[in-house]
Amino acid sequence: MREVRAVSRFFVCALVMMLVTYLVRAIPFTVFRRKVRNRFFRSFLYYVPYAVLTAMTLPAALYATGSMAVAAVGLLAAAVLAYRGRGLVVVSLAACAAAGLATWVIHLLG
């Protein structure tokens, strides 16, 4: 009986997530039938994906390691290289190397 309840709860949760995802994607198409002409609103919509991506990625980057200092070193290395126009692979590898080096230095000193 308990397994049946768990399976039905899973499908209810999956259905709710599906509906929420659909509504989030469908509502803008029904509300904005014409091209948005307001300059402020267009610039707001332009920057929303970057803000959402940052809000999802930054906490994960800071809490990915056991130490906030190590995460900050890796994040700083990634930010500097990304600002200088390096590619995604180079930025990722350099951030991992910087975090690994910081971990090694912390273990060596402490």
C-alpha atoms as a PDB file:
ATOM      1  CA  MET A   1       0.000   0.000   0.000  1.00  0.00           C
ATOM      2  CA  ARG A   2       2.848   2.335   0.840  1.00  0.00           C
ATOM      3  CA  GLU A   3       4.513   1.770  -2.558  1.00  0.00           C
ATOM      4  CA  VAL A   4       1.292   2.608  -4.400  1.00  0.00           C
ATOM      5  CA  ARG A   5       0.999   5.860  -2.458  1.00  0.00           C
ATOM      6  CA  ALA A   6       4.614   6.749  -3.272  1.00  0.00           C
ATOM      7  CA  VAL A   7       4.106   6.047  -6.983  1.00  0.00           C
ATOM      8  CA  SER A   8       0.894   8.073  -7.136  1.00  0.00           C
ATOM      9  CA  ARG A   9       2.579  10.937  -5.260  1.00  0.00           C
ATOM     10  CA  PHE A  10       5.421  10.831  -7.792  1.00  0.00           C
ATOM     11  CA  PHE A  11       2.999  11.150 -10.707  1.00  0.00           C
ATOM     12  CA  VAL A  12       1.082  13.974  -9.038  1.00  0.00           C
ATOM     13  CA  CYS A  13       4.332  15.850  -8.419  1.00  0.00           C
ATOM     14  CA  ALA A  14       5.470  15.235 -12.010  1.00  0.00           C
ATOM     15  CA  LEU A  15       2.120  16.499 -13.334  1.00  0.00           C
ATOM     16  CA  VAL A  16       2.289  19.653 -11.216  1.00  0.00           C
ATOM     17  CA  MET A  17       5.861  20.343 -12.384  1.00  0.00           C
ATOM     18  CA  MET A  18       4.799  19.785 -15.993  1.00  0.00           C
ATOM     19  CA  LEU A  19       1.893  22.227 -15.666  1.00  0.00           C
ATOM     20  CA  VAL A  20       4.010  24.888 -13.976  1.00  0.00           C
ATOM     21  CA  THR A  21       6.694  24.582 -16.647  1.00  0.00           C
ATOM     22  CA  TYR A  22       4.093  24.790 -19.401  1.00  0.00           C
ATOM     23  CA  LEU A  23       2.394  27.840 -17.871  1.00  0.00           C
ATOM     24  CA  VAL A  24       5.673  29.693 -17.429  1.00  0.00           C
ATOM     25  CA  ARG A  25       6.419  29.179 -21.108  1.00  0.00           C
ATOM     26  CA  ALA A  26       2.881  29.703 -22.459  1.00  0.00           C
ATOM     27  CA  ILE A  27       1.799  32.827 -20.567  1.00  0.00           C
ATOM     28  CA  PRO A  28       4.238  35.219 -22.303  1.00  0.00           C
ATOM     29  CA  PHE A  29       2.962  34.063 -25.707  1.00  0.00           C
ATOM     30  CA  THR A  30      -0.622  34.796 -24.729  1.00  0.00           C
ATOM     31  CA  VAL A  31       0.098  38.118 -23.000  1.00  0.00           C
ATOM     32  CA  PHE A  32       2.529  39.610 -25.526  1.00  0.00           C
ATOM     33  CA  ARG A  33       0.955  39.124 -28.924  1.00  0.00           C
ATOM     34  CA  ARG A  34       2.790  42.039 -30.515  1.00  0.00           C
ATOM     35  CA  LYS A  35       6.440  42.991 -30.340  1.00  0.00           C
ATOM     36  CA  VAL A  36       7.373  44.736 -27.095  1.00  0.00           C
ATOM     37  CA  ARG A  37       8.159  48.357 -27.924  1.00  0.00           C
ATOM     38  CA  ASN A  38       8.829  49.743 -24.462  1.00  0.00           C
ATOM     39  CA  ARG A  39      12.575  50.306 -24.281  1.00  0.00           C
ATOM     40  CA  PHE A  40      12.849  49.741 -20.517  1.00  0.00           C
ATOM     41  CA  PHE A  41      10.832  46.522 -20.636  1.00  0.00           C
ATOM     42  CA  ARG A  42      12.818  45.203 -23.610  1.00  0.00           C
ATOM     43  CA  SER A  43      16.099  45.817 -21.801  1.00  0.00           C
ATOM     44  CA  PHE A  44      14.657  44.150 -18.695  1.00  0.00           C
ATOM     45  CA  LEU A  45      13.720  41.074 -20.737  1.00  0.00           C
ATOM     46  CA  TYR A  46      17.156  41.061 -22.350  1.00  0.00           C
ATOM     47  CA  TYR A  47      18.968  40.792 -19.004  1.00  0.00           C
ATOM     48  CA  VAL A  48      16.622  38.336 -17.253  1.00  0.00           C
ATOM     49  CA  PRO A  49      18.341  35.160 -18.562  1.00  0.00           C
ATOM     50  CA  TYR A  50      21.735  36.390 -17.312  1.00  0.00           C
ATOM     51  CA  ALA A  51      20.337  37.249 -13.898  1.00  0.00           C
ATOM     52  CA  VAL A  52      18.585  33.898 -13.547  1.00  0.00           C
ATOM     53  CA  LEU A  53      21.653  31.983 -14.672  1.00  0.00           C
ATOM     54  CA  THR A  54      23.799  33.891 -12.179  1.00  0.00           C
ATOM     55  CA  ALA A  55      21.313  33.299  -9.370  1.00  0.00           C
ATOM     56  CA  MET A  56      21.378  29.559 -10.063  1.00  0.00           C
ATOM     57  CA  THR A  57      25.112  29.188 -10.706  1.00  0.00           C
ATOM     58  CA  LEU A  58      26.757  31.419  -8.107  1.00  0.00           C
ATOM     59  CA  PRO A  59      25.526  29.564  -4.990  1.00  0.00           C
ATOM     60  CA  ALA A  60      26.482  26.244  -6.567  1.00  0.00           C
ATOM     61  CA  ALA A  61      29.959  27.574  -7.316  1.00  0.00           C
ATOM     62  CA  LEU A  62      30.436  28.863  -3.785  1.00  0.00           C
ATOM     63  CA  TYR A  63      29.223  25.701  -2.049  1.00  0.00           C
ATOM     64  CA  ALA A  64      30.777  23.160  -4.432  1.00  0.00           C
ATOM     65  CA  THR A  65      33.801  22.624  -2.210  1.00  0.00           C
ATOM     66  CA  GLY A  66      34.083  22.162   1.523  1.00  0.00           C
ATOM     67  CA  SER A  67      35.772  25.535   1.936  1.00  0.00           C
ATOM     68  CA  MET A  68      34.404  28.924   0.975  1.00  0.00           C
ATOM     69  CA  ALA A  69      37.963  30.221   0.503  1.00  0.00           C
ATOM     70  CA  VAL A  70      38.781  27.499  -2.031  1.00  0.00           C
ATOM     71  CA  ALA A  71      35.538  28.186  -3.876  1.00  0.00           C
ATOM     72  CA  ALA A  72      36.302  31.917  -3.916  1.00  0.00           C
ATOM     73  CA  VAL A  73      39.745  31.270  -5.438  1.00  0.00           C
ATOM     74  CA  GLY A  74      38.232  29.131  -8.189  1.00  0.00           C
ATOM     75  CA  LEU A  75      35.460  31.624  -8.821  1.00  0.00           C
ATOM     76  CA  LEU A  76      37.919  34.510  -8.975  1.00  0.00           C
ATOM     77  CA  ALA A  77      40.107  32.650 -11.465  1.00  0.00           C
ATOM     78  CA  ALA A  78      37.060  31.870 -13.601  1.00  0.00           C
ATOM     79  CA  ALA A  79      35.816  35.471 -13.476  1.00  0.00           C
ATOM     80  CA  VAL A  80      39.192  36.926 -14.480  1.00  0.00           C
ATOM     81  CA  LEU A  81      39.645  34.546 -17.399  1.00  0.00           C
ATOM     82  CA  ALA A  82      36.046  34.952 -18.574  1.00  0.00           C
ATOM     83  CA  TYR A  83      36.407  38.728 -18.435  1.00  0.00           C
ATOM     84  CA  ARG A  84      39.512  38.452 -20.599  1.00  0.00           C
ATOM     85  CA  GLY A  85      37.509  36.561 -23.218  1.00  0.00           C
ATOM     86  CA  ARG A  86      38.822  33.025 -22.754  1.00  0.00           C
ATOM     87  CA  GLY A  87      36.699  30.080 -23.827  1.00  0.00           C
ATOM     88  CA  LEU A  88      34.487  27.973 -21.616  1.00  0.00           C
ATOM     89  CA  VAL A  89      36.841  24.995 -21.492  1.00  0.00           C
ATOM     90  CA  VAL A  90      39.838  27.124 -20.561  1.00  0.00           C
ATOM     91  CA  VAL A  91      37.854  28.965 -17.875  1.00  0.00           C
ATOM     92  CA  SER A  92      36.515  25.728 -16.393  1.00  0.00           C
ATOM     93  CA  LEU A  93      39.868  23.971 -16.352  1.00  0.00           C
ATOM     94  CA  ALA A  94      41.633  27.001 -14.876  1.00  0.00           C
ATOM     95  CA  ALA A  95      38.985  27.365 -12.156  1.00  0.00           C
ATOM     96  CA  CYS A  96      39.342  23.685 -11.248  1.00  0.00           C
ATOM     97  CA  ALA A  97      43.122  23.981 -11.224  1.00  0.00           C
ATOM     98  CA  ALA A  98      43.022  27.114  -9.068  1.00  0.00           C
ATOM     99  CA  ALA A  99      40.623  25.488  -6.602  1.00  0.00           C
ATOM    100  CA  GLY A 100      42.760  22.349  -6.507  1.00  0.00           C
ATOM    101  CA  LEU A 101      45.906  24.375  -5.933  1.00  0.00           C
ATOM    102  CA  ALA A 102      44.197  26.379  -3.178  1.00  0.00           C
ATOM    103  CA  THR A 103      43.070  23.133  -1.524  1.00  0.00           C
ATOM    104  CA  TRP A 104      46.614  21.772  -1.687  1.00  0.00           C
ATOM    105  CA  VAL A 105      48.057  25.003  -0.224  1.00  0.00           C
ATOM    106  CA  ILE A 106      45.510  25.013   2.606  1.00  0.00           C
ATOM    107  CA  HIS A 107      46.293  21.380   3.461  1.00  0.00           C
ATOM    108  CA  LEU A 108      50.007  22.103   3.244  1.00  0.00           C
ATOM    109  CA  LEU A 109      49.787  25.092   5.580  1.00  0.00           C
ATOM    110  CA  GLY A 110      47.172  23.840   7.949  1.00  0.00           C
END
